[in-house]
Amino acid sequence: MSSESEAACRPDAVAEKQLPAFLDAALLHYILDENLPDDPIEVDSFTAAIATKPGDNYSSDVYRIVVHYNGSKVIPLVAKIMSEDPTVKEFAQRIGAFMKEVYTYRNLLPIFSEIVSRTKAIKFGAYCVYATRDPADVVVFQDLKPLGYRMPDRTRGGLDLAHCELIMRKIGLFHAASMVYVARGPMERQLFTYQYSHGMVQPRDNVSNNPGLKMFANGLDTFLEVSAGWPELKREIWTKLKALQLTYAKRCAQCLLTERHDQPEVTFRVLNHGDLWTNNMMFRYEDAADEGTVSDVLFVDYQLGSYGSPGLDLVYCLHNCPQFEVRESSTDRLLRLYHESLCEGLSNGGYKQSFPTFDDVLKEYERHEFIGLVSGLSMLPIILMERTDEVELTMGNLVDGEQAVKIRNIQYQGKQYRRSVIPILERFHAKGLLD
């Protein structure tokens, strides 16, 4: 057996992360043997290369691996290895990110697909072929790229209407499948209530123990510094944001909780993806050279799934993903499309209870609308940041140190970001969400 790395053949190989030594031919042989039990397996060689660009993934290293076996056969895989960054690792362990993601991929996604697939097969993610916690948290999937799927470029200012419509159709079906699944009985409901009781925020979290909340708070601080002289930002809005600093992290935590005791009972509950933004999606195109031919979307990174209001996914997605024009003119249209897809999925799954109305969808969207402000002040600067060699984009660097300050200054000065955030702030100001 032999192995070689594509990265090692390139001039910049020194700067690129290498595949960990434990992910070797012997382990790949084991993975293939488990998933292809009908054939004796002999791994001939494999190639490996980092699969994502800097800034596209903050919690893990993702490698694309091509395994050549049994003389002429080839199988493409993707290995996701959780980051060893202490901040990321500790946070992931505390929220149970690894176990949640593996259970979702292996147990829930196949069932969800079966529930909503009637006239055509519906998929929500890649097939998981292997997972382990020793010597590191590793998940290995089928590679979606040979099937025509690819991740969109987050620096292009967001997704157009066609892409956003696909997302709303797919997340509507995903939410519907989760409702049908929970309705099967008390064991399914108990699973969701306990294993998916929270996403990235748990009760009593604060900036001292939750790096996500610290990143959000840092975002508001930086925005106030950078935007103080912006002529297009009304002084009244800036002043209200300044006053919001004292309670901002707490309100961020409240809007991300699955259970909120300050509000009436949730109209309907679903399993939320929990981190529904552009880099956690892969799209397929009928013509690889023409993005106008987009035909399907699959989701990745199911680490933050939570059982609660669909408003968590909807507000987060519709503020982080769309192009400026789509966000400003088509949100209502996209929510209606979501509702149609939700009802279609419930019907396909034989759901016996009453279907949520569109007013129910709007109510849950508005219940969590503060997430839109968090997105505008803390997520959009990251999403719309242009690629640069000046700084290394990691979760640790986004939270602490001199690099964090440098990164945030670059992010918040971006032209695309500045154009996008003003209408969001004006809308929230009009609704009283800054008070």
Protein backbone atom coordinates (compact mmCIF):
# COMPACT_ATOMS: atom_id res chain seq x y z
CA MET A 1 0.00 0.00 0.00
CA SER A 2 1.14 3.54 -0.63
CA SER A 3 -0.22 7.04 -0.12
CA GLU A 4 0.59 10.44 -1.48
CA SER A 5 -0.72 13.90 -0.75
CA GLU A 6 -1.81 16.31 -3.44
CA ALA A 7 -0.78 19.11 -1.11
CA ALA A 8 2.81 17.92 -0.98
CA CYS A 9 3.19 18.50 -4.71
CA ARG A 10 2.35 22.18 -4.48
CA PRO A 11 4.73 25.07 -3.69
CA ASP A 12 2.56 26.27 -0.82
CA ALA A 13 2.43 22.83 0.83
CA VAL A 14 4.36 24.04 3.89
CA ALA A 15 1.58 26.46 4.80
CA GLU A 16 -1.22 23.96 4.24
CA LYS A 17 -2.46 21.61 6.93
CA GLN A 18 -1.59 17.98 6.37
CA LEU A 19 -3.82 14.97 6.85
CA PRO A 20 -3.29 13.59 10.39
CA ALA A 21 -1.10 10.48 10.50
CA PHE A 22 -3.82 8.28 12.02
CA LEU A 23 -5.99 8.73 8.92
CA ASP A 24 -3.88 6.29 6.96
CA ALA A 25 -4.36 3.44 4.50
CA ALA A 26 -5.19 0.97 7.27
CA LEU A 27 -8.06 3.13 8.57
CA LEU A 28 -9.33 3.74 5.03
CA HIS A 29 -9.24 -0.02 4.45
CA TYR A 30 -11.37 -0.49 7.56
CA ILE A 31 -13.87 2.18 6.45
CA LEU A 32 -14.27 0.66 2.99
CA ASP A 33 -14.53 -2.84 4.44
CA GLU A 34 -17.37 -1.72 6.73
CA ASN A 35 -19.30 0.00 3.95
CA LEU A 36 -18.61 -2.46 1.11
CA PRO A 37 -19.02 -5.83 2.85
CA ASP A 38 -19.63 -7.79 -0.35
CA ASP A 39 -16.17 -7.13 -1.78
CA PRO A 40 -12.74 -8.02 -0.36
CA ILE A 41 -10.95 -4.67 -0.07
CA GLU A 42 -7.37 -3.87 -0.99
CA VAL A 43 -6.40 -0.20 -0.76
CA ASP A 44 -3.86 0.57 -3.48
CA SER A 45 -3.27 4.27 -2.77
CA PHE A 46 -5.00 7.46 -1.75
CA THR A 47 -4.64 11.19 -2.19
CA ALA A 48 -5.66 13.87 0.30
CA ALA A 49 -5.96 17.65 0.29
CA ILE A 50 -7.55 20.31 2.45
CA ALA A 51 -11.10 20.84 1.17
CA THR A 52 -12.00 24.33 2.39
CA LYS A 53 -10.52 27.78 2.04
CA PRO A 54 -9.43 29.84 5.07
CA GLY A 55 -12.51 31.40 6.70
CA ASP A 56 -14.92 28.83 5.29
CA ASN A 57 -14.86 26.60 8.36
CA TYR A 58 -14.01 27.64 11.90
CA SER A 59 -14.66 24.55 14.01
CA SER A 60 -12.94 21.78 12.05
CA ASP A 61 -10.44 20.83 9.36
CA VAL A 62 -12.04 19.24 6.30
CA TYR A 63 -10.06 17.03 3.90
CA ARG A 64 -11.03 15.57 0.55
CA ILE A 65 -9.70 12.02 0.21
CA VAL A 66 -9.73 9.90 -2.95
CA VAL A 67 -9.17 6.21 -2.31
CA HIS A 68 -8.00 3.90 -5.11
CA TYR A 69 -8.73 0.27 -4.33
CA ASN A 70 -9.02 -3.20 -5.87
CA GLY A 71 -6.99 -2.30 -8.93
CA SER A 72 -9.30 0.06 -10.79
CA LYS A 73 -11.97 1.25 -8.35
CA VAL A 74 -12.15 4.73 -6.83
CA ILE A 75 -14.19 6.15 -3.96
CA PRO A 76 -14.15 9.86 -2.97
CA LEU A 77 -14.55 10.72 0.72
CA VAL A 78 -14.54 13.78 2.94
CA ALA A 79 -13.04 13.65 6.44
CA LYS A 80 -14.08 16.24 8.99
CA ILE A 81 -11.72 16.50 11.96
CA MET A 82 -12.72 18.70 14.87
CA SER A 83 -10.34 21.53 15.63
CA GLU A 84 -7.78 21.13 18.42
CA ASP A 85 -8.06 24.84 19.20
CA PRO A 86 -8.74 24.84 22.99
CA THR A 87 -11.57 27.38 22.73
CA VAL A 88 -13.34 25.47 19.97
CA LYS A 89 -12.72 22.03 21.49
CA GLU A 90 -13.99 22.92 24.95
CA PHE A 91 -17.08 24.62 23.56
CA ALA A 92 -17.87 21.70 21.23
CA GLN A 93 -17.59 19.22 24.08
CA ARG A 94 -19.82 21.28 26.36
CA ILE A 95 -22.67 21.46 23.83
CA GLY A 96 -22.24 17.85 22.66
CA ALA A 97 -21.57 18.88 19.06
CA PHE A 98 -19.90 15.66 17.90
CA MET A 99 -22.45 13.20 19.28
CA LYS A 100 -25.34 15.31 18.06
CA GLU A 101 -23.97 15.56 14.53
CA VAL A 102 -23.17 11.86 14.23
CA TYR A 103 -26.60 10.84 15.54
CA THR A 104 -28.33 13.24 13.16
CA TYR A 105 -26.44 11.97 10.12
CA ARG A 106 -26.64 8.28 10.92
CA ASN A 107 -30.06 7.98 12.52
CA LEU A 108 -32.29 10.91 11.67
CA LEU A 109 -31.47 11.96 8.11
CA PRO A 110 -32.30 8.57 6.56
CA ILE A 111 -35.63 8.48 8.45
CA PHE A 112 -36.43 12.10 7.54
CA SER A 113 -35.76 11.35 3.87
CA GLU A 114 -38.09 8.36 3.99
CA ILE A 115 -40.82 10.42 5.65
CA VAL A 116 -41.03 13.16 3.00
CA SER A 117 -40.02 11.22 -0.12
CA ARG A 118 -43.07 10.30 -2.16
CA THR A 119 -42.92 11.17 -5.86
CA LYS A 120 -39.14 11.67 -5.74
CA ALA A 121 -36.28 10.93 -3.37
CA ILE A 122 -35.43 13.78 -0.99
CA LYS A 123 -31.99 13.97 0.64
CA PHE A 124 -30.90 16.32 3.43
CA GLY A 125 -27.19 15.56 3.64
CA ALA A 126 -24.30 13.32 2.72
CA TYR A 127 -24.06 9.69 3.79
CA CYS A 128 -21.91 9.19 6.90
CA VAL A 129 -19.56 6.23 6.45
CA TYR A 130 -17.50 6.41 9.66
CA ALA A 131 -17.20 8.25 12.97
CA THR A 132 -14.80 7.97 15.89
CA ARG A 133 -13.64 9.89 18.97
CA ASP A 134 -10.23 8.20 19.18
CA PRO A 135 -7.66 9.68 18.72
CA ALA A 136 -9.74 12.70 17.69
CA ASP A 137 -13.34 13.57 16.84
CA VAL A 138 -13.58 12.49 13.19
CA VAL A 139 -16.54 12.03 10.85
CA VAL A 140 -16.09 10.65 7.32
CA PHE A 141 -18.74 11.22 4.64
CA GLN A 142 -19.33 10.45 1.01
CA ASP A 143 -17.90 13.32 -1.06
CA LEU A 144 -20.74 15.32 -2.59
CA LYS A 145 -18.53 17.10 -5.11
CA PRO A 146 -18.47 14.23 -7.66
CA LEU A 147 -22.28 14.25 -7.47
CA GLY A 148 -22.26 17.85 -8.72
CA TYR A 149 -22.61 19.67 -5.38
CA ARG A 150 -20.42 22.55 -4.36
CA MET A 151 -20.27 25.23 -1.71
CA PRO A 152 -21.13 28.76 -2.87
CA ASP A 153 -18.61 31.58 -2.50
CA ARG A 154 -19.55 33.43 0.69
CA THR A 155 -17.69 36.58 -0.42
CA ARG A 156 -19.99 37.30 -3.41
CA GLY A 157 -22.54 39.22 -1.40
CA GLY A 158 -25.03 36.45 -0.68
CA LEU A 159 -27.32 34.08 -2.55
CA ASP A 160 -29.81 35.02 -5.26
CA LEU A 161 -33.54 34.30 -5.11
CA ALA A 162 -33.32 30.90 -6.85
CA HIS A 163 -30.82 29.61 -4.28
CA CYS A 164 -32.85 31.00 -1.37
CA GLU A 165 -36.03 29.40 -2.71
CA LEU A 166 -34.30 26.01 -2.74
CA ILE A 167 -33.18 26.51 0.87
CA MET A 168 -36.70 27.36 2.00
CA ARG A 169 -38.16 24.34 0.20
CA LYS A 170 -35.58 21.99 1.71
CA ILE A 171 -35.67 23.33 5.27
CA GLY A 172 -39.48 23.26 5.11
CA LEU A 173 -39.34 19.55 4.28
CA PHE A 174 -36.71 18.97 6.98
CA HIS A 175 -38.82 20.69 9.62
CA ALA A 176 -41.90 18.78 8.47
CA ALA A 177 -40.09 15.44 8.72
CA SER A 178 -39.07 16.26 12.28
CA MET A 179 -42.69 17.02 13.22
CA VAL A 180 -43.88 13.72 11.75
CA TYR A 181 -41.08 11.88 13.55
CA VAL A 182 -41.89 13.40 16.95
CA ALA A 183 -45.59 12.63 16.49
CA ARG A 184 -44.76 8.90 16.29
CA GLY A 185 -44.64 8.56 20.06
CA PRO A 186 -43.22 9.53 23.47
CA MET A 187 -39.78 8.00 22.84
CA GLU A 188 -39.20 10.18 19.77
CA ARG A 189 -40.42 13.26 21.60
CA GLN A 190 -38.20 12.48 24.57
CA LEU A 191 -35.19 12.08 22.28
CA PHE A 192 -35.72 15.53 20.81
CA THR A 193 -36.53 17.13 24.16
CA TYR A 194 -33.31 15.93 25.77
CA GLN A 195 -30.71 15.27 23.10
CA TYR A 196 -31.67 18.37 21.11
CA SER A 197 -32.63 20.61 24.02
CA HIS A 198 -30.23 23.38 22.98
CA GLY A 199 -28.13 24.63 20.09
CA MET A 200 -25.14 26.87 20.66
CA VAL A 201 -26.62 28.45 23.80
CA GLN A 202 -27.72 26.78 27.02
CA PRO A 203 -29.52 28.34 30.00
CA ARG A 204 -27.18 30.42 32.19
CA ASP A 205 -24.62 30.83 29.40
CA ASN A 206 -22.76 34.15 29.27
CA VAL A 207 -19.72 35.71 27.61
CA SER A 208 -17.37 34.07 30.11
CA ASN A 209 -18.30 30.48 29.21
CA ASN A 210 -19.69 30.72 25.68
CA PRO A 211 -17.30 31.92 22.93
CA GLY A 212 -20.24 32.45 20.55
CA LEU A 213 -21.81 35.00 22.89
CA LYS A 214 -18.42 36.64 23.38
CA MET A 215 -18.00 36.89 19.60
CA PHE A 216 -21.47 38.48 19.32
CA ALA A 217 -20.69 41.00 22.07
CA ASN A 218 -17.37 41.85 20.42
CA GLY A 219 -19.28 42.41 17.20
CA LEU A 220 -21.49 45.10 18.69
CA ASP A 221 -18.48 46.78 20.32
CA THR A 222 -16.60 46.88 17.02
CA PHE A 223 -19.63 48.06 15.07
CA LEU A 224 -20.06 51.03 17.42
CA GLU A 225 -16.40 51.96 17.04
CA VAL A 226 -16.32 51.65 13.25
CA SER A 227 -19.73 53.17 12.47
CA ALA A 228 -19.54 56.23 14.74
CA GLY A 229 -18.82 58.50 11.77
CA TRP A 230 -21.02 56.87 9.13
CA PRO A 231 -23.22 59.61 7.62
CA GLU A 232 -25.84 57.08 6.44
CA LEU A 233 -26.39 55.70 9.96
CA LYS A 234 -28.92 57.74 11.93
CA ARG A 235 -27.48 59.02 15.17
CA GLU A 236 -30.58 57.86 17.04
CA ILE A 237 -29.94 54.27 15.94
CA TRP A 238 -26.26 54.45 16.91
CA THR A 239 -27.21 55.83 20.33
CA LYS A 240 -29.72 53.03 20.94
CA LEU A 241 -27.12 50.43 19.96
CA LYS A 242 -24.70 52.04 22.40
CA ALA A 243 -27.28 51.74 25.17
CA LEU A 244 -27.89 48.12 24.15
CA GLN A 245 -24.31 47.14 25.04
CA LEU A 246 -25.20 46.48 28.67
CA THR A 247 -27.83 43.83 27.87
CA TYR A 248 -26.82 42.71 24.37
CA ALA A 249 -25.13 39.40 25.27
CA LYS A 250 -28.04 38.45 27.52
CA ARG A 251 -30.58 39.23 24.81
CA CYS A 252 -28.50 37.28 22.29
CA ALA A 253 -28.62 34.27 24.60
CA GLN A 254 -32.37 34.62 25.15
CA CYS A 255 -33.21 34.75 21.44
CA LEU A 256 -31.15 31.62 20.76
CA LEU A 257 -32.66 29.49 23.53
CA THR A 258 -35.15 26.81 22.54
CA GLU A 259 -37.27 27.51 25.63
CA ARG A 260 -38.09 31.13 26.45
CA HIS A 261 -40.02 31.66 29.64
CA ASP A 262 -40.55 35.34 28.89
CA GLN A 263 -42.89 34.52 25.99
CA PRO A 264 -46.07 32.47 25.40
CA GLU A 265 -45.98 28.84 24.31
CA VAL A 266 -44.33 28.16 20.94
CA THR A 267 -46.94 27.66 18.19
CA PHE A 268 -45.17 24.63 16.74
CA ARG A 269 -41.80 22.96 17.25
CA VAL A 270 -39.35 21.48 14.79
CA LEU A 271 -35.81 20.16 14.76
CA ASN A 272 -33.74 23.18 13.72
CA HIS A 273 -30.51 22.77 11.79
CA GLY A 274 -29.13 25.47 14.06
CA ASP A 275 -26.44 27.01 11.85
CA LEU A 276 -28.15 27.59 8.53
CA TRP A 277 -25.78 29.87 6.65
CA THR A 278 -24.12 29.74 3.25
CA ASN A 279 -21.05 27.71 4.18
CA ASN A 280 -23.20 24.95 5.65
CA MET A 281 -24.89 24.29 2.32
CA MET A 282 -23.87 22.62 -0.93
CA PHE A 283 -25.75 23.26 -4.17
CA ARG A 284 -26.07 21.19 -7.32
CA TYR A 285 -26.35 22.74 -10.78
CA GLU A 286 -27.68 21.30 -14.02
CA ASP A 287 -24.88 23.20 -15.78
CA ALA A 288 -21.78 23.51 -13.62
CA ALA A 289 -20.80 26.74 -15.40
CA ASP A 290 -24.20 28.41 -14.94
CA GLU A 291 -25.37 29.17 -11.39
CA GLY A 292 -28.79 29.99 -12.82
CA THR A 293 -29.36 26.25 -13.23
CA VAL A 294 -29.26 25.48 -9.49
CA SER A 295 -31.44 22.43 -8.83
CA ASP A 296 -30.86 21.13 -5.30
CA VAL A 297 -29.30 21.92 -1.93
CA LEU A 298 -27.98 19.68 0.85
CA PHE A 299 -27.05 20.82 4.34
CA VAL A 300 -23.83 20.08 6.23
CA ASP A 301 -22.66 20.60 9.83
CA TYR A 302 -25.51 19.32 11.98
CA GLN A 303 -23.68 20.12 15.23
CA LEU A 304 -26.08 22.75 16.58
CA GLY A 305 -29.45 21.07 16.00
CA SER A 306 -32.13 22.03 18.52
CA TYR A 307 -35.79 21.23 19.07
CA GLY A 308 -37.78 24.44 19.26
CA SER A 309 -39.38 27.23 17.27
CA PRO A 310 -38.69 27.21 13.50
CA GLY A 311 -38.03 30.91 13.91
CA LEU A 312 -34.50 29.99 15.00
CA ASP A 313 -33.63 28.63 11.56
CA LEU A 314 -35.76 31.03 9.53
CA VAL A 315 -34.54 34.33 10.99
CA TYR A 316 -30.92 33.19 11.07
CA CYS A 317 -31.01 31.94 7.48
CA LEU A 318 -32.94 34.82 5.93
CA HIS A 319 -30.58 37.40 7.42
CA ASN A 320 -27.31 35.58 6.75
CA CYS A 321 -27.80 33.96 3.34
CA PRO A 322 -29.61 36.23 0.81
CA GLN A 323 -28.18 38.95 -1.36
CA PHE A 324 -29.06 42.46 -0.24
CA GLU A 325 -31.87 42.83 -2.80
CA VAL A 326 -33.39 39.44 -1.94
CA ARG A 327 -33.37 40.17 1.80
CA GLU A 328 -35.00 43.54 1.29
CA SER A 329 -37.71 42.54 -1.21
CA SER A 330 -38.43 38.81 -0.98
CA THR A 331 -38.51 37.74 2.68
CA ASP A 332 -42.30 37.41 2.73
CA ARG A 333 -42.24 35.39 -0.49
CA LEU A 334 -39.59 33.07 0.92
CA LEU A 335 -41.52 32.53 4.16
CA ARG A 336 -44.63 31.64 2.17
CA LEU A 337 -42.60 29.15 0.13
CA TYR A 338 -41.30 27.67 3.38
CA HIS A 339 -44.87 27.26 4.64
CA GLU A 340 -45.96 25.57 1.42
CA SER A 341 -43.04 23.14 1.64
CA LEU A 342 -43.69 22.49 5.34
CA CYS A 343 -47.30 21.55 4.59
CA GLU A 344 -46.23 19.40 1.64
CA GLY A 345 -43.81 17.49 3.86
CA LEU A 346 -46.43 17.02 6.58
CA SER A 347 -48.88 15.71 3.99
CA ASN A 348 -46.28 13.33 2.52
CA GLY A 349 -45.53 12.03 6.00
CA GLY A 350 -49.16 11.42 6.88
CA TYR A 351 -49.17 13.96 9.73
CA LYS A 352 -52.43 13.54 11.66
CA GLN A 353 -52.46 16.76 13.66
CA SER A 354 -53.46 20.20 12.40
CA PHE A 355 -50.96 21.87 10.07
CA PRO A 356 -49.33 25.18 11.10
CA THR A 357 -50.81 28.20 9.33
CA PHE A 358 -48.80 30.90 7.62
CA ASP A 359 -49.71 33.19 10.53
CA ASP A 360 -48.09 30.61 12.83
CA VAL A 361 -44.91 30.80 10.73
CA LEU A 362 -44.91 34.61 10.96
CA LYS A 363 -45.48 34.47 14.71
CA GLU A 364 -42.47 32.20 15.20
CA TYR A 365 -40.36 34.32 12.85
CA GLU A 366 -41.18 37.45 14.84
CA ARG A 367 -40.61 35.64 18.15
CA HIS A 368 -36.93 35.22 17.27
CA GLU A 369 -36.40 38.31 15.13
CA PHE A 370 -33.71 39.65 17.45
CA ILE A 371 -31.50 36.94 15.89
CA GLY A 372 -31.62 39.11 12.76
CA LEU A 373 -29.94 41.93 14.66
CA VAL A 374 -27.30 39.53 15.97
CA SER A 375 -26.74 38.38 12.40
CA GLY A 376 -26.46 41.93 11.13
CA LEU A 377 -23.99 43.01 13.78
CA SER A 378 -21.97 39.84 14.27
CA MET A 379 -22.49 37.30 11.46
CA LEU A 380 -22.77 39.33 8.25
CA PRO A 381 -19.36 40.97 8.77
CA ILE A 382 -17.81 37.47 8.80
CA ILE A 383 -19.90 36.16 5.91
CA LEU A 384 -19.27 39.15 3.64
CA MET A 385 -15.59 39.55 4.52
CA GLU A 386 -13.36 39.50 1.46
CA ARG A 387 -10.58 36.92 1.43
CA THR A 388 -7.26 38.27 2.68
CA ASP A 389 -3.78 37.00 3.50
CA GLU A 390 -3.39 39.62 6.24
CA VAL A 391 -4.99 37.49 8.97
CA GLU A 392 -5.76 33.84 9.69
CA LEU A 393 -9.48 33.24 10.05
CA THR A 394 -10.06 30.87 12.99
CA MET A 395 -12.64 30.77 15.78
CA GLY A 396 -9.92 31.56 18.31
CA ASN A 397 -8.82 34.62 16.36
CA LEU A 398 -12.42 35.81 16.08
CA VAL A 399 -12.76 35.83 19.87
CA ASP A 400 -9.47 36.83 21.47
CA GLY A 401 -6.23 38.65 20.86
CA GLU A 402 -4.80 41.25 18.50
CA GLN A 403 -5.81 39.20 15.48
CA ALA A 404 -9.48 39.47 16.51
CA VAL A 405 -9.28 43.27 16.52
CA LYS A 406 -7.57 43.31 13.13
CA ILE A 407 -10.07 40.87 11.62
CA ARG A 408 -13.09 42.78 12.91
CA ASN A 409 -11.79 46.09 11.58
CA ILE A 410 -11.43 44.56 8.11
CA GLN A 411 -14.86 42.95 8.29
CA TYR A 412 -16.82 45.98 9.46
CA GLN A 413 -15.27 48.32 6.88
CA GLY A 414 -16.40 46.14 3.98
CA LYS A 415 -18.53 47.88 1.34
CA GLN A 416 -20.97 44.97 0.97
CA TYR A 417 -21.44 44.76 4.71
CA ARG A 418 -21.99 48.48 5.18
CA ARG A 419 -24.63 48.50 2.44
CA SER A 420 -26.43 45.50 3.93
CA VAL A 421 -26.51 46.38 7.61
CA ILE A 422 -28.09 49.85 7.40
CA PRO A 423 -31.54 48.68 6.18
CA ILE A 424 -31.53 45.91 8.80
CA LEU A 425 -30.88 48.40 11.58
CA GLU A 426 -33.49 50.82 10.28
CA ARG A 427 -36.08 48.05 10.13
CA PHE A 428 -35.35 46.89 13.67
CA HIS A 429 -35.39 50.48 14.91
CA ALA A 430 -38.85 50.96 13.40
CA LYS A 431 -40.05 47.78 15.13
CA GLY A 432 -38.68 48.84 18.51
CA LEU A 433 -36.20 45.95 18.73
CA LEU A 434 -33.35 48.29 19.65
CA ASP A 435 -35.13 49.60 22.74
